[in-house]
């Protein structure tokens, strides 16, 4: 696993949920309009048909 140093204000743990041909992660509404970075910290489920 790679290590990334990211400076920021808050951390939010979430799970990627399927939608159409992609996925989404919900963040708090107060983050609207903010720049956000998403880092995958585990391997995706291998049971999924999507890549």
C-alpha atoms as a PDB file:
ATOM      1  CA  UNK A   1       0.000   0.000   0.000  1.00  0.00           C
ATOM      2  CA  UNK A   2       1.260   3.480  -0.846  1.00  0.00           C
ATOM      3  CA  UNK A   3       1.384   6.269   1.724  1.00  0.00           C
ATOM      4  CA  UNK A   4       0.027   9.742   1.010  1.00  0.00           C
ATOM      5  CA  UNK A   5       0.456  12.868   3.121  1.00  0.00           C
ATOM      6  CA  UNK A   6      -2.538  15.147   2.616  1.00  0.00           C
ATOM      7  CA  UNK A   7      -3.123  18.383   4.490  1.00  0.00           C
ATOM      8  CA  UNK A   8      -6.756  19.078   5.235  1.00  0.00           C
ATOM      9  CA  UNK A   9      -9.421  20.089   7.716  1.00  0.00           C
ATOM     10  CA  UNK A  10     -11.440  16.910   8.352  1.00  0.00           C
ATOM     11  CA  UNK A  11     -11.463  13.190   7.576  1.00  0.00           C
ATOM     12  CA  UNK A  12     -14.670  11.311   6.795  1.00  0.00           C
ATOM     13  CA  UNK A  13     -14.757   7.505   6.582  1.00  0.00           C
ATOM     14  CA  UNK A  14     -17.252   6.130   4.097  1.00  0.00           C
ATOM     15  CA  UNK A  15     -17.949   3.271   1.717  1.00  0.00           C
ATOM     16  CA  UNK A  16     -18.249   3.556  -2.057  1.00  0.00           C
ATOM     17  CA  UNK A  17     -21.791   2.629  -3.137  1.00  0.00           C
ATOM     18  CA  UNK A  18     -22.766   1.604  -6.676  1.00  0.00           C
ATOM     19  CA  UNK A  19     -24.574   3.995  -8.999  1.00  0.00           C
ATOM     20  CA  UNK A  20     -24.951   3.587 -12.764  1.00  0.00           C
ATOM     21  CA  UNK A  21     -21.493   2.908 -14.250  1.00  0.00           C
ATOM     22  CA  UNK A  22     -19.640   4.292 -11.228  1.00  0.00           C
ATOM     23  CA  UNK A  23     -19.772   4.725  -7.480  1.00  0.00           C
ATOM     24  CA  UNK A  24     -20.321   7.507  -4.949  1.00  0.00           C
ATOM     25  CA  UNK A  25     -19.271   8.337  -1.399  1.00  0.00           C
ATOM     26  CA  UNK A  26     -21.519  10.527   0.741  1.00  0.00           C
ATOM     27  CA  UNK A  27     -19.871  13.344   2.678  1.00  0.00           C
ATOM     28  CA  UNK A  28     -21.407  15.813   5.149  1.00  0.00           C
ATOM     29  CA  UNK A  29     -23.651  18.479   3.578  1.00  0.00           C
ATOM     30  CA  UNK A  30     -21.510  21.208   5.160  1.00  0.00           C
ATOM     31  CA  UNK A  31     -18.775  20.163   2.681  1.00  0.00           C
ATOM     32  CA  UNK A  32     -20.823  21.471  -0.283  1.00  0.00           C
ATOM     33  CA  UNK A  33     -18.616  23.572  -2.544  1.00  0.00           C
ATOM     34  CA  UNK A  34     -15.371  22.388  -0.892  1.00  0.00           C
ATOM     35  CA  UNK A  35     -12.489  20.693  -2.713  1.00  0.00           C
ATOM     36  CA  UNK A  36     -12.415  17.022  -1.638  1.00  0.00           C
ATOM     37  CA  UNK A  37      -9.944  14.187  -2.232  1.00  0.00           C
ATOM     38  CA  UNK A  38     -10.925  10.504  -2.089  1.00  0.00           C
ATOM     39  CA  UNK A  39      -8.323   7.843  -1.216  1.00  0.00           C
ATOM     40  CA  UNK A  40      -9.091   4.115  -1.524  1.00  0.00           C
ATOM     41  CA  UNK A  41      -7.716   2.344   1.560  1.00  0.00           C
ATOM     42  CA  UNK A  42      -8.801  -1.256   0.858  1.00  0.00           C
ATOM     43  CA  UNK A  43      -9.205  -3.586  -2.095  1.00  0.00           C
ATOM     44  CA  UNK A  44     -12.648  -3.543  -3.784  1.00  0.00           C
ATOM     45  CA  UNK A  45     -15.016  -6.477  -3.211  1.00  0.00           C
ATOM     46  CA  UNK A  46     -14.129  -9.257  -5.658  1.00  0.00           C
ATOM     47  CA  UNK A  47     -17.776 -10.441  -5.662  1.00  0.00           C
ATOM     48  CA  UNK A  48     -18.818  -7.379  -7.668  1.00  0.00           C
ATOM     49  CA  UNK A  49     -19.391  -7.734 -11.430  1.00  0.00           C
ATOM     50  CA  UNK A  50     -18.339  -4.088 -11.977  1.00  0.00           C
ATOM     51  CA  UNK A  51     -14.680  -3.061 -12.293  1.00  0.00           C
END
